[in-house]
C-alpha atoms as a PDB file:
ATOM      1  CA  MET A   1      86.706  98.295  52.293  1.00  0.00           C
ATOM      2  CA  LYS A   2      86.387  94.627  51.395  1.00  0.00           C
ATOM      3  CA  ILE A   3      89.723  92.874  50.878  1.00  0.00           C
ATOM      4  CA  LEU A   4      90.471  89.444  49.465  1.00  0.00           C
ATOM      5  CA  ALA A   5      93.079  87.764  51.676  1.00  0.00           C
ATOM      6  CA  VAL A   6      95.402  84.958  50.594  1.00  0.00           C
ATOM      7  CA  ASP A   7      97.463  83.167  53.239  1.00  0.00           C
ATOM      8  CA  LEU A   8      99.753  80.871  51.250  1.00  0.00           C
ATOM      9  CA  GLY A   9     101.369  77.846  52.847  1.00  0.00           C
ATOM     10  CA  GLY A  10     103.437  75.037  51.417  1.00  0.00           C
ATOM     11  CA  THR A  11     100.585  72.680  50.528  1.00  0.00           C
ATOM     12  CA  HIS A  12      97.434  74.683  51.280  1.00  0.00           C
ATOM     13  CA  ALA A  13      96.157  78.229  50.953  1.00  0.00           C
ATOM     14  CA  THR A  14      93.431  79.992  52.895  1.00  0.00           C
ATOM     15  CA  CYS A  15      91.424  82.498  50.903  1.00  0.00           C
ATOM     16  CA  ALA A  16      88.980  84.884  52.551  1.00  0.00           C
ATOM     17  CA  LEU A  17      86.967  88.059  52.152  1.00  0.00           C
ATOM     18  CA  VAL A  18      87.661  90.415  55.044  1.00  0.00           C
ATOM     19  CA  GLU A  19      85.960  93.647  56.026  1.00  0.00           C
ATOM     20  CA  GLY A  20      87.263  95.341  59.149  1.00  0.00           C
ATOM     21  CA  ARG A  21      87.270  92.819  61.981  1.00  0.00           C
ATOM     22  CA  ARG A  22      84.905  90.439  60.184  1.00  0.00           C
ATOM     23  CA  ILE A  23      85.662  87.513  57.906  1.00  0.00           C
ATOM     24  CA  LEU A  24      82.725  87.466  55.507  1.00  0.00           C
ATOM     25  CA  ALA A  25      83.681  84.254  53.718  1.00  0.00           C
ATOM     26  CA  ARG A  26      86.608  81.873  53.708  1.00  0.00           C
ATOM     27  CA  GLU A  27      87.869  78.523  52.487  1.00  0.00           C
ATOM     28  CA  THR A  28      91.055  76.511  52.746  1.00  0.00           C
ATOM     29  CA  ILE A  29      92.153  74.757  49.583  1.00  0.00           C
ATOM     30  CA  ALA A  30      94.732  72.110  48.758  1.00  0.00           C
ATOM     31  CA  LEU A  31      97.249  73.217  46.154  1.00  0.00           C
ATOM     32  CA  PRO A  32      98.613  71.162  43.270  1.00  0.00           C
ATOM     33  CA  GLY A  33     101.655  69.147  44.251  1.00  0.00           C
ATOM     34  CA  SER A  34     104.054  71.357  42.337  1.00  0.00           C
ATOM     35  CA  PRO A  35     107.119  73.394  43.334  1.00  0.00           C
ATOM     36  CA  LEU A  36     105.867  76.199  41.062  1.00  0.00           C
ATOM     37  CA  LEU A  37     103.601  78.962  42.344  1.00  0.00           C
ATOM     38  CA  ALA A  38     102.363  79.676  38.822  1.00  0.00           C
ATOM     39  CA  THR A  39     100.761  76.224  38.828  1.00  0.00           C
ATOM     40  CA  SER A  40      98.690  77.157  41.888  1.00  0.00           C
ATOM     41  CA  LEU A  41      97.558  80.661  40.888  1.00  0.00           C
ATOM     42  CA  GLU A  42      94.435  79.595  39.008  1.00  0.00           C
ATOM     43  CA  THR A  43      93.419  77.332  41.896  1.00  0.00           C
ATOM     44  CA  ILE A  44      93.811  80.304  44.229  1.00  0.00           C
ATOM     45  CA  ALA A  45      91.962  82.585  41.812  1.00  0.00           C
ATOM     46  CA  ALA A  46      89.013  80.198  41.602  1.00  0.00           C
ATOM     47  CA  SER A  47      88.803  80.171  45.388  1.00  0.00           C
ATOM     48  CA  LEU A  48      88.871  83.971  45.503  1.00  0.00           C
ATOM     49  CA  ASP A  49      86.049  84.044  42.970  1.00  0.00           C
ATOM     50  CA  ARG A  50      83.964  81.883  45.271  1.00  0.00           C
ATOM     51  CA  VAL A  51      84.569  83.830  48.473  1.00  0.00           C
ATOM     52  CA  GLN A  52      83.676  87.150  46.814  1.00  0.00           C
ATOM     53  CA  ALA A  53      80.743  85.807  44.809  1.00  0.00           C
ATOM     54  CA  GLN A  54      78.173  87.724  46.893  1.00  0.00           C
ATOM     55  CA  ASN A  55      80.388  90.669  47.933  1.00  0.00           C
ATOM     56  CA  PRO A  56      82.811  92.010  45.328  1.00  0.00           C
ATOM     57  CA  ALA A  57      86.158  93.022  46.806  1.00  0.00           C
ATOM     58  CA  ASN A  58      88.135  96.252  46.439  1.00  0.00           C
ATOM     59  CA  ALA A  59      91.681  94.851  46.711  1.00  0.00           C
ATOM     60  CA  ILE A  60      93.807  91.757  47.373  1.00  0.00           C
ATOM     61  CA  GLY A  61      96.237  91.203  50.243  1.00  0.00           C
ATOM     62  CA  PHE A  62      98.633  88.290  49.640  1.00  0.00           C
ATOM     63  CA  GLY A  63     100.709  86.651  52.378  1.00  0.00           C
ATOM     64  CA  PHE A  64     103.700  84.649  51.146  1.00  0.00           C
ATOM     65  CA  CYS A  65     105.894  82.163  53.037  1.00  0.00           C
ATOM     66  CA  GLY A  66     109.261  83.697  52.103  1.00  0.00           C
ATOM     67  CA  LEU A  67     111.163  86.977  51.899  1.00  0.00           C
ATOM     68  CA  VAL A  68     109.033  89.702  50.342  1.00  0.00           C
ATOM     69  CA  ASP A  69     109.805  93.185  49.044  1.00  0.00           C
ATOM     70  CA  SER A  70     106.464  94.724  49.899  1.00  0.00           C
ATOM     71  CA  ARG A  71     107.509  98.096  48.486  1.00  0.00           C
ATOM     72  CA  SER A  72     107.931  96.742  44.970  1.00  0.00           C
ATOM     73  CA  THR A  73     105.350  93.955  45.436  1.00  0.00           C
ATOM     74  CA  ARG A  74     107.856  91.271  44.521  1.00  0.00           C
ATOM     75  CA  ILE A  75     108.964  88.024  46.157  1.00  0.00           C
ATOM     76  CA  ALA A  76     112.661  88.266  47.015  1.00  0.00           C
ATOM     77  CA  SER A  77     113.545  84.711  48.127  1.00  0.00           C
ATOM     78  CA  THR A  78     111.779  81.429  48.827  1.00  0.00           C
ATOM     79  CA  ASN A  79     114.347  79.147  50.529  1.00  0.00           C
ATOM     80  CA  GLY A  80     113.318  76.288  48.266  1.00  0.00           C
ATOM     81  CA  LYS A  81     109.546  76.894  48.273  1.00  0.00           C
ATOM     82  CA  TYR A  82     107.840  77.862  45.010  1.00  0.00           C
ATOM     83  CA  THR A  83     111.052  78.175  43.041  1.00  0.00           C
ATOM     84  CA  ASP A  84     109.483  80.330  40.301  1.00  0.00           C
ATOM     85  CA  ALA A  85     108.009  82.892  42.693  1.00  0.00           C
ATOM     86  CA  VAL A  86     110.807  85.444  42.400  1.00  0.00           C
ATOM     87  CA  ASP A  87     110.022  85.787  38.687  1.00  0.00           C
ATOM     88  CA  LEU A  88     106.255  86.246  39.080  1.00  0.00           C
ATOM     89  CA  ASP A  89     104.508  89.618  38.951  1.00  0.00           C
ATOM     90  CA  LEU A  90     101.576  89.086  41.293  1.00  0.00           C
ATOM     91  CA  SER A  91     100.380  92.667  40.885  1.00  0.00           C
ATOM     92  CA  HIS A  92     100.033  92.097  37.149  1.00  0.00           C
ATOM     93  CA  TRP A  93      98.232  88.810  37.839  1.00  0.00           C
ATOM     94  CA  ALA A  94      95.772  90.548  40.181  1.00  0.00           C
ATOM     95  CA  VAL A  95      94.987  93.249  37.647  1.00  0.00           C
ATOM     96  CA  GLN A  96      94.675  90.845  34.727  1.00  0.00           C
ATOM     97  CA  ARG A  97      92.595  88.270  36.612  1.00  0.00           C
ATOM     98  CA  PHE A  98      90.493  90.476  38.909  1.00  0.00           C
ATOM     99  CA  GLY A  99      91.028  94.109  37.951  1.00  0.00           C
ATOM    100  CA  LEU A 100      92.148  94.766  41.534  1.00  0.00           C
ATOM    101  CA  PRO A 101      95.232  96.255  43.203  1.00  0.00           C
ATOM    102  CA  LEU A 102      97.367  93.871  45.238  1.00  0.00           C
ATOM    103  CA  ARG A 103      99.657  94.240  48.202  1.00  0.00           C
ATOM    104  CA  LEU A 104     102.164  91.543  49.118  1.00  0.00           C
ATOM    105  CA  GLU A 105     103.693  90.769  52.505  1.00  0.00           C
ATOM    106  CA  ASN A 106     105.633  88.065  54.297  1.00  0.00           C
ATOM    107  CA  ASP A 107     103.160  85.788  56.077  1.00  0.00           C
ATOM    108  CA  ALA A 108     104.729  86.261  59.527  1.00  0.00           C
ATOM    109  CA  ARG A 109     104.616  90.047  59.198  1.00  0.00           C
ATOM    110  CA  LEU A 110     101.014  89.787  58.088  1.00  0.00           C
ATOM    111  CA  ALA A 111     100.185  87.672  61.153  1.00  0.00           C
ATOM    112  CA  LEU A 112     101.672  90.285  63.475  1.00  0.00           C
ATOM    113  CA  LEU A 113      99.699  93.010  61.706  1.00  0.00           C
ATOM    114  CA  GLY A 114      96.594  90.926  62.330  1.00  0.00           C
ATOM    115  CA  GLU A 115      97.357  90.372  66.017  1.00  0.00           C
ATOM    116  CA  ARG A 116      97.962  94.095  66.460  1.00  0.00           C
ATOM    117  CA  PHE A 117      94.767  94.968  64.601  1.00  0.00           C
ATOM    118  CA  ALA A 118      92.403  92.477  66.229  1.00  0.00           C
ATOM    119  CA  GLY A 119      94.286  90.198  68.611  1.00  0.00           C
ATOM    120  CA  ALA A 120      96.890  89.895  71.340  1.00  0.00           C
ATOM    121  CA  ALA A 121      98.979  92.962  70.387  1.00  0.00           C
ATOM    122  CA  GLN A 122      96.210  95.561  70.171  1.00  0.00           C
ATOM    123  CA  GLY A 123      97.446  98.928  71.426  1.00  0.00           C
ATOM    124  CA  GLU A 124     101.107  97.848  71.341  1.00  0.00           C
ATOM    125  CA  THR A 125     103.837  99.569  69.320  1.00  0.00           C
ATOM    126  CA  ASP A 126     106.949  97.482  70.014  1.00  0.00           C
ATOM    127  CA  VAL A 127     106.361  93.771  69.561  1.00  0.00           C
ATOM    128  CA  VAL A 128     108.157  90.599  68.511  1.00  0.00           C
ATOM    129  CA  MET A 129     106.038  87.643  67.413  1.00  0.00           C
ATOM    130  CA  PHE A 130     107.214  84.043  67.153  1.00  0.00           C
ATOM    131  CA  THR A 131     105.257  81.284  65.424  1.00  0.00           C
ATOM    132  CA  LEU A 132     106.217  77.826  66.661  1.00  0.00           C
ATOM    133  CA  GLY A 133     105.230  75.068  64.246  1.00  0.00           C
ATOM    134  CA  THR A 134     106.822  73.079  61.454  1.00  0.00           C
ATOM    135  CA  GLY A 135     109.397  75.865  61.395  1.00  0.00           C
ATOM    136  CA  ILE A 136     109.873  78.908  63.609  1.00  0.00           C
ATOM    137  CA  GLY A 137     108.666  82.204  62.246  1.00  0.00           C
ATOM    138  CA  GLY A 138     109.615  85.565  63.683  1.00  0.00           C
ATOM    139  CA  VAL A 139     108.740  89.183  63.034  1.00  0.00           C
ATOM    140  CA  ALA A 140     109.446  92.506  64.730  1.00  0.00           C
ATOM    141  CA  MET A 141     107.588  95.795  65.005  1.00  0.00           C
ATOM    142  CA  ILE A 142     109.307  98.930  66.321  1.00  0.00           C
ATOM    143  CA  GLY A 143     107.438 102.159  66.991  1.00  0.00           C
ATOM    144  CA  GLY A 144     104.329 100.752  65.342  1.00  0.00           C
ATOM    145  CA  GLN A 145     106.135  99.974  62.080  1.00  0.00           C
ATOM    146  CA  LEU A 146     107.107  96.565  60.764  1.00  0.00           C
ATOM    147  CA  LEU A 147     110.858  96.106  60.589  1.00  0.00           C
ATOM    148  CA  ARG A 148     111.887  95.314  57.001  1.00  0.00           C
ATOM    149  CA  GLY A 149     115.455  96.390  56.305  1.00  0.00           C
ATOM    150  CA  LYS A 150     117.301  97.138  53.082  1.00  0.00           C
ATOM    151  CA  HIS A 151     117.156  93.528  51.890  1.00  0.00           C
ATOM    152  CA  ASP A 152     113.664  92.685  53.229  1.00  0.00           C
ATOM    153  CA  GLN A 153     114.843  90.214  55.869  1.00  0.00           C
ATOM    154  CA  ALA A 154     115.121  92.358  58.999  1.00  0.00           C
ATOM    155  CA  GLY A 155     113.181  90.863  61.883  1.00  0.00           C
ATOM    156  CA  VAL A 156     111.697  87.894  60.019  1.00  0.00           C
ATOM    157  CA  LEU A 157     114.473  85.369  60.590  1.00  0.00           C
ATOM    158  CA  GLY A 158     113.636  84.615  64.215  1.00  0.00           C
ATOM    159  CA  GLY A 159     113.843  80.902  63.533  1.00  0.00           C
ATOM    160  CA  HIS A 160     117.378  81.357  62.265  1.00  0.00           C
ATOM    161  CA  ILE A 161     118.848  82.966  65.351  1.00  0.00           C
ATOM    162  CA  PRO A 162     121.846  80.726  66.199  1.00  0.00           C
ATOM    163  CA  VAL A 163     121.444  79.079  69.598  1.00  0.00           C
ATOM    164  CA  ASN A 164     124.029  76.275  69.323  1.00  0.00           C
ATOM    165  CA  PHE A 165     127.280  76.873  67.483  1.00  0.00           C
ATOM    166  CA  ALA A 166     127.933  73.113  67.512  1.00  0.00           C
ATOM    167  CA  GLY A 167     124.399  72.189  66.480  1.00  0.00           C
ATOM    168  CA  ARG A 168     122.867  70.598  63.397  1.00  0.00           C
ATOM    169  CA  ARG A 169     122.734  72.093  59.919  1.00  0.00           C
ATOM    170  CA  CYS A 170     119.595  74.146  59.236  1.00  0.00           C
ATOM    171  CA  THR A 171     117.639  74.391  55.995  1.00  0.00           C
ATOM    172  CA  CYS A 172     118.974  77.933  55.625  1.00  0.00           C
ATOM    173  CA  GLY A 173     122.540  76.583  55.548  1.00  0.00           C
ATOM    174  CA  ALA A 174     123.624  77.822  58.976  1.00  0.00           C
ATOM    175  CA  ILE A 175     124.592  75.776  62.026  1.00  0.00           C
ATOM    176  CA  GLY A 176     122.512  75.524  65.203  1.00  0.00           C
ATOM    177  CA  CYS A 177     119.574  77.792  64.331  1.00  0.00           C
ATOM    178  CA  ALA A 178     116.638  77.785  66.740  1.00  0.00           C
ATOM    179  CA  GLU A 179     114.617  76.097  63.986  1.00  0.00           C
ATOM    180  CA  SER A 180     117.122  73.290  63.506  1.00  0.00           C
ATOM    181  CA  GLU A 181     117.264  72.748  67.272  1.00  0.00           C
ATOM    182  CA  ALA A 182     113.562  72.917  68.256  1.00  0.00           C
ATOM    183  CA  SER A 183     110.958  72.963  65.479  1.00  0.00           C
ATOM    184  CA  GLY A 184     108.476  70.533  64.004  1.00  0.00           C
ATOM    185  CA  TRP A 185     110.702  69.458  61.123  1.00  0.00           C
ATOM    186  CA  SER A 186     113.767  68.956  63.324  1.00  0.00           C
ATOM    187  CA  LEU A 187     111.998  67.306  66.272  1.00  0.00           C
ATOM    188  CA  PRO A 188     112.247  63.717  64.912  1.00  0.00           C
ATOM    189  CA  LEU A 189     115.980  64.235  64.293  1.00  0.00           C
ATOM    190  CA  ILE A 190     116.483  65.575  67.807  1.00  0.00           C
ATOM    191  CA  ALA A 191     114.514  62.755  69.397  1.00  0.00           C
ATOM    192  CA  THR A 192     116.129  59.848  67.561  1.00  0.00           C
ATOM    193  CA  GLU A 193     119.579  61.120  68.569  1.00  0.00           C
ATOM    194  CA  TRP A 194     118.563  61.517  72.228  1.00  0.00           C
ATOM    195  CA  PRO A 195     120.026  59.063  74.770  1.00  0.00           C
ATOM    196  CA  ASP A 196     117.571  56.258  75.643  1.00  0.00           C
ATOM    197  CA  TYR A 197     115.161  57.281  72.891  1.00  0.00           C
ATOM    198  CA  ALA A 198     114.683  53.661  71.796  1.00  0.00           C
ATOM    199  CA  SER A 199     113.267  52.700  75.212  1.00  0.00           C
ATOM    200  CA  SER A 200     111.039  55.792  75.549  1.00  0.00           C
ATOM    201  CA  GLN A 201     107.340  56.227  74.788  1.00  0.00           C
ATOM    202  CA  LEU A 202     108.346  58.277  71.728  1.00  0.00           C
ATOM    203  CA  ALA A 203     109.976  55.373  69.890  1.00  0.00           C
ATOM    204  CA  SER A 204     106.682  53.760  68.844  1.00  0.00           C
ATOM    205  CA  ARG A 205     105.001  56.957  67.644  1.00  0.00           C
ATOM    206  CA  ARG A 206     104.988  59.294  64.679  1.00  0.00           C
ATOM    207  CA  LEU A 207     106.539  62.204  66.465  1.00  0.00           C
ATOM    208  CA  ASP A 208     105.184  65.749  66.630  1.00  0.00           C
ATOM    209  CA  PHE A 209     104.978  68.311  69.428  1.00  0.00           C
ATOM    210  CA  GLU A 210     101.494  67.258  70.495  1.00  0.00           C
ATOM    211  CA  LYS A 211     102.724  63.704  71.117  1.00  0.00           C
ATOM    212  CA  LEU A 212     105.927  64.964  72.731  1.00  0.00           C
ATOM    213  CA  PHE A 213     104.095  67.086  75.296  1.00  0.00           C
ATOM    214  CA  ALA A 214     101.545  64.317  75.933  1.00  0.00           C
ATOM    215  CA  CYS A 215     104.311  61.790  76.666  1.00  0.00           C
ATOM    216  CA  ALA A 216     106.106  64.284  78.890  1.00  0.00           C
ATOM    217  CA  THR A 217     102.899  64.936  80.840  1.00  0.00           C
ATOM    218  CA  ALA A 218     102.433  61.162  81.191  1.00  0.00           C
ATOM    219  CA  GLY A 219     105.824  60.950  82.889  1.00  0.00           C
ATOM    220  CA  ASP A 220     108.167  59.736  80.147  1.00  0.00           C
ATOM    221  CA  SER A 221     111.615  60.959  81.191  1.00  0.00           C
ATOM    222  CA  VAL A 222     113.092  61.241  77.685  1.00  0.00           C
ATOM    223  CA  SER A 223     110.094  63.309  76.574  1.00  0.00           C
ATOM    224  CA  ARG A 224     110.538  65.605  79.558  1.00  0.00           C
ATOM    225  CA  GLU A 225     114.202  66.093  78.715  1.00  0.00           C
ATOM    226  CA  ILE A 226     113.410  66.956  75.078  1.00  0.00           C
ATOM    227  CA  VAL A 227     110.623  69.332  76.134  1.00  0.00           C
ATOM    228  CA  ASP A 228     113.069  71.070  78.469  1.00  0.00           C
ATOM    229  CA  HIS A 229     115.590  71.290  75.627  1.00  0.00           C
ATOM    230  CA  CYS A 230     113.025  72.898  73.308  1.00  0.00           C
ATOM    231  CA  LEU A 231     111.847  75.340  75.966  1.00  0.00           C
ATOM    232  CA  ARG A 232     115.422  76.489  76.556  1.00  0.00           C
ATOM    233  CA  VAL A 233     115.986  76.920  72.801  1.00  0.00           C
ATOM    234  CA  TRP A 234     112.847  79.034  72.518  1.00  0.00           C
ATOM    235  CA  GLY A 235     113.907  80.998  75.581  1.00  0.00           C
ATOM    236  CA  ALA A 236     117.349  81.717  74.124  1.00  0.00           C
ATOM    237  CA  ALA A 237     115.739  82.905  70.880  1.00  0.00           C
ATOM    238  CA  ALA A 238     113.402  85.128  72.893  1.00  0.00           C
ATOM    239  CA  VAL A 239     116.269  86.790  74.739  1.00  0.00           C
ATOM    240  CA  ALA A 240     118.167  87.307  71.477  1.00  0.00           C
ATOM    241  CA  ALA A 241     115.093  88.982  69.980  1.00  0.00           C
ATOM    242  CA  ILE A 242     114.652  91.199  73.036  1.00  0.00           C
ATOM    243  CA  HIS A 243     118.275  92.320  72.928  1.00  0.00           C
ATOM    244  CA  SER A 244     118.021  92.911  69.158  1.00  0.00           C
ATOM    245  CA  PHE A 245     114.659  94.689  68.837  1.00  0.00           C
ATOM    246  CA  ASP A 246     113.782  96.126  72.279  1.00  0.00           C
ATOM    247  CA  PRO A 247     110.129  95.004  72.378  1.00  0.00           C
ATOM    248  CA  GLU A 248     107.763  95.422  75.299  1.00  0.00           C
ATOM    249  CA  LEU A 249     105.735  92.378  74.277  1.00  0.00           C
ATOM    250  CA  LEU A 250     106.475  88.899  72.908  1.00  0.00           C
ATOM    251  CA  VAL A 251     103.556  87.149  71.209  1.00  0.00           C
ATOM    252  CA  TYR A 252     103.626  83.402  70.532  1.00  0.00           C
ATOM    253  CA  GLY A 253     101.461  81.581  68.012  1.00  0.00           C
ATOM    254  CA  GLY A 254     101.558  78.378  65.986  1.00  0.00           C
ATOM    255  CA  GLY A 255     100.473  74.794  66.493  1.00  0.00           C
ATOM    256  CA  VAL A 256     102.909  74.157  69.355  1.00  0.00           C
ATOM    257  CA  MET A 257     100.939  76.627  71.461  1.00  0.00           C
ATOM    258  CA  LYS A 258      98.345  73.954  72.129  1.00  0.00           C
ATOM    259  CA  SER A 259     100.656  73.441  75.103  1.00  0.00           C
ATOM    260  CA  SER A 260     100.740  77.151  75.980  1.00  0.00           C
ATOM    261  CA  ASP A 261      99.939  76.404  79.643  1.00  0.00           C
ATOM    262  CA  LEU A 262     103.409  74.849  79.907  1.00  0.00           C
ATOM    263  CA  ILE A 263     105.292  77.014  77.419  1.00  0.00           C
ATOM    264  CA  LEU A 264     104.288  80.551  78.353  1.00  0.00           C
ATOM    265  CA  PRO A 265     105.109  80.407  82.095  1.00  0.00           C
ATOM    266  CA  PHE A 266     108.523  78.963  81.297  1.00  0.00           C
ATOM    267  CA  LEU A 267     109.251  81.642  78.675  1.00  0.00           C
ATOM    268  CA  GLN A 268     108.118  84.446  80.969  1.00  0.00           C
ATOM    269  CA  GLU A 269     110.364  83.167  83.752  1.00  0.00           C
ATOM    270  CA  TYR A 270     113.267  82.640  81.332  1.00  0.00           C
ATOM    271  CA  VAL A 271     112.948  86.141  79.884  1.00  0.00           C
ATOM    272  CA  ASP A 272     112.659  87.709  83.347  1.00  0.00           C
ATOM    273  CA  ALA A 273     115.816  85.922  84.454  1.00  0.00           C
ATOM    274  CA  ASN A 274     117.985  86.375  81.367  1.00  0.00           C
ATOM    275  CA  ALA A 275     116.989  89.441  79.327  1.00  0.00           C
ATOM    276  CA  TRP A 276     118.810  92.664  80.137  1.00  0.00           C
ATOM    277  CA  THR A 277     115.968  95.194  80.260  1.00  0.00           C
ATOM    278  CA  PRO A 278     116.706  97.758  82.976  1.00  0.00           C
ATOM    279  CA  TRP A 279     113.563  99.701  82.026  1.00  0.00           C
ATOM    280  CA  GLY A 280     111.273  96.831  83.132  1.00  0.00           C
ATOM    281  CA  LYS A 281     110.017  93.382  82.129  1.00  0.00           C
ATOM    282  CA  VAL A 282     109.026  92.189  78.670  1.00  0.00           C
ATOM    283  CA  ARG A 283     105.593  90.587  78.727  1.00  0.00           C
ATOM    284  CA  VAL A 284     104.966  87.192  77.120  1.00  0.00           C
ATOM    285  CA  ARG A 285     101.529  86.510  75.679  1.00  0.00           C
ATOM    286  CA  ALA A 286      99.769  83.927  73.502  1.00  0.00           C
ATOM    287  CA  ALA A 287      98.465  84.948  70.096  1.00  0.00           C
ATOM    288  CA  GLN A 288      94.668  85.156  69.969  1.00  0.00           C
ATOM    289  CA  LEU A 289      93.718  84.820  66.311  1.00  0.00           C
ATOM    290  CA  GLY A 290      95.224  81.446  65.421  1.00  0.00           C
ATOM    291  CA  ASN A 291      95.139  80.719  61.705  1.00  0.00           C
ATOM    292  CA  ASP A 292      93.093  83.884  61.103  1.00  0.00           C
ATOM    293  CA  ALA A 293      95.898  86.279  62.069  1.00  0.00           C
ATOM    294  CA  ALA A 294      97.288  86.755  58.564  1.00  0.00           C
ATOM    295  CA  LEU A 295      93.760  87.135  57.156  1.00  0.00           C
ATOM    296  CA  PHE A 296      93.043  90.042  59.502  1.00  0.00           C
ATOM    297  CA  GLY A 297      96.506  91.435  58.749  1.00  0.00           C
ATOM    298  CA  VAL A 298      95.464  92.468  55.223  1.00  0.00           C
ATOM    299  CA  VAL A 299      93.290  95.247  56.698  1.00  0.00           C
ATOM    300  CA  PRO A 300      96.130  97.285  58.287  1.00  0.00           C
ATOM    301  CA  LEU A 301      98.363  96.284  55.367  1.00  0.00           C
ATOM    302  CA  PHE A 302      96.318  98.644  53.209  1.00  0.00           C
ATOM    303  CA  ASP A 303      96.702 101.421  55.779  1.00  0.00           C
ATOM    304  CA  GLN A 304     100.487 101.423  55.451  1.00  0.00           C
ATOM    305  CA  GLU A 305     102.328 103.991  53.394  1.00  0.00           C
ATOM    306  CA  LEU A 306     103.432 101.700  50.607  1.00  0.00           C
ATOM    307  CA  PRO A 307     102.986 102.106  46.863  1.00  0.00           C
ATOM    308  CA  LEU A 308      99.658 100.648  45.754  1.00  0.00           C
ATOM    309  CA  VAL A 309     100.532  98.925  42.492  1.00  0.00           C
ATOM    310  CA  ARG A 310      97.851  98.523  39.813  1.00  0.00           C
END
């Protein structure tokens, strides 16, 4: 079965043709600078036409960066992204534009499906995956099934686990979420408020995690303190996820994992020391598929017992 995969981000989308564990064709496209998803659909459609030009597809798998009701193939909430998305019928669009059935899933869930199908979680049934990047994504699988919940948000709000009740306001509206305390978008806020920031190596740089870890490795004390802060935030979120979902494996992906040699040993030690798991130890592992995880996730998505809307 050949499946067209769409992995939709805030400013770019990756479109691919996937068959089993092979990506037959792919391209990443910039999207129009619009808050409306409808504005981007024809750009996405044109890309899908190109990637299936030599190999016609049988279906479309669509990963969306928000809350998704995969059973009804509708977008439930966007948290400010693509404000028209909840009113769009993507199944109708797929039939009208391509004559193909479509399945829709949250992008983090799709990434975990991909890692279980072809990456770091192969053979596992009980897994939590975190994606550390601009935000913090989370997703849970129990007994081989993605956790969804009545309102489609079970397991996917890993970045919004509260870790500091006196912390900063998050984009979701809550106080002290893991994302507001240690993510790409909040890192500049954290750093500029840190004692002695103005005299640190960070003060003269456009700050992201790559620069933060580089400065810490070079010996900058403020950078080391902020790295330690972020590691402890991610560790607290990991323990909360373990106590909530009872996984045997934690998988970590995202751009921050360029520093996995520092992050993973800390998280494994933190989990071993702080998670209450009398049955044994939760393993911590790096994701293997990178930006391809959600693309591979469309394959098992079509194996799930969900209505296939035409």
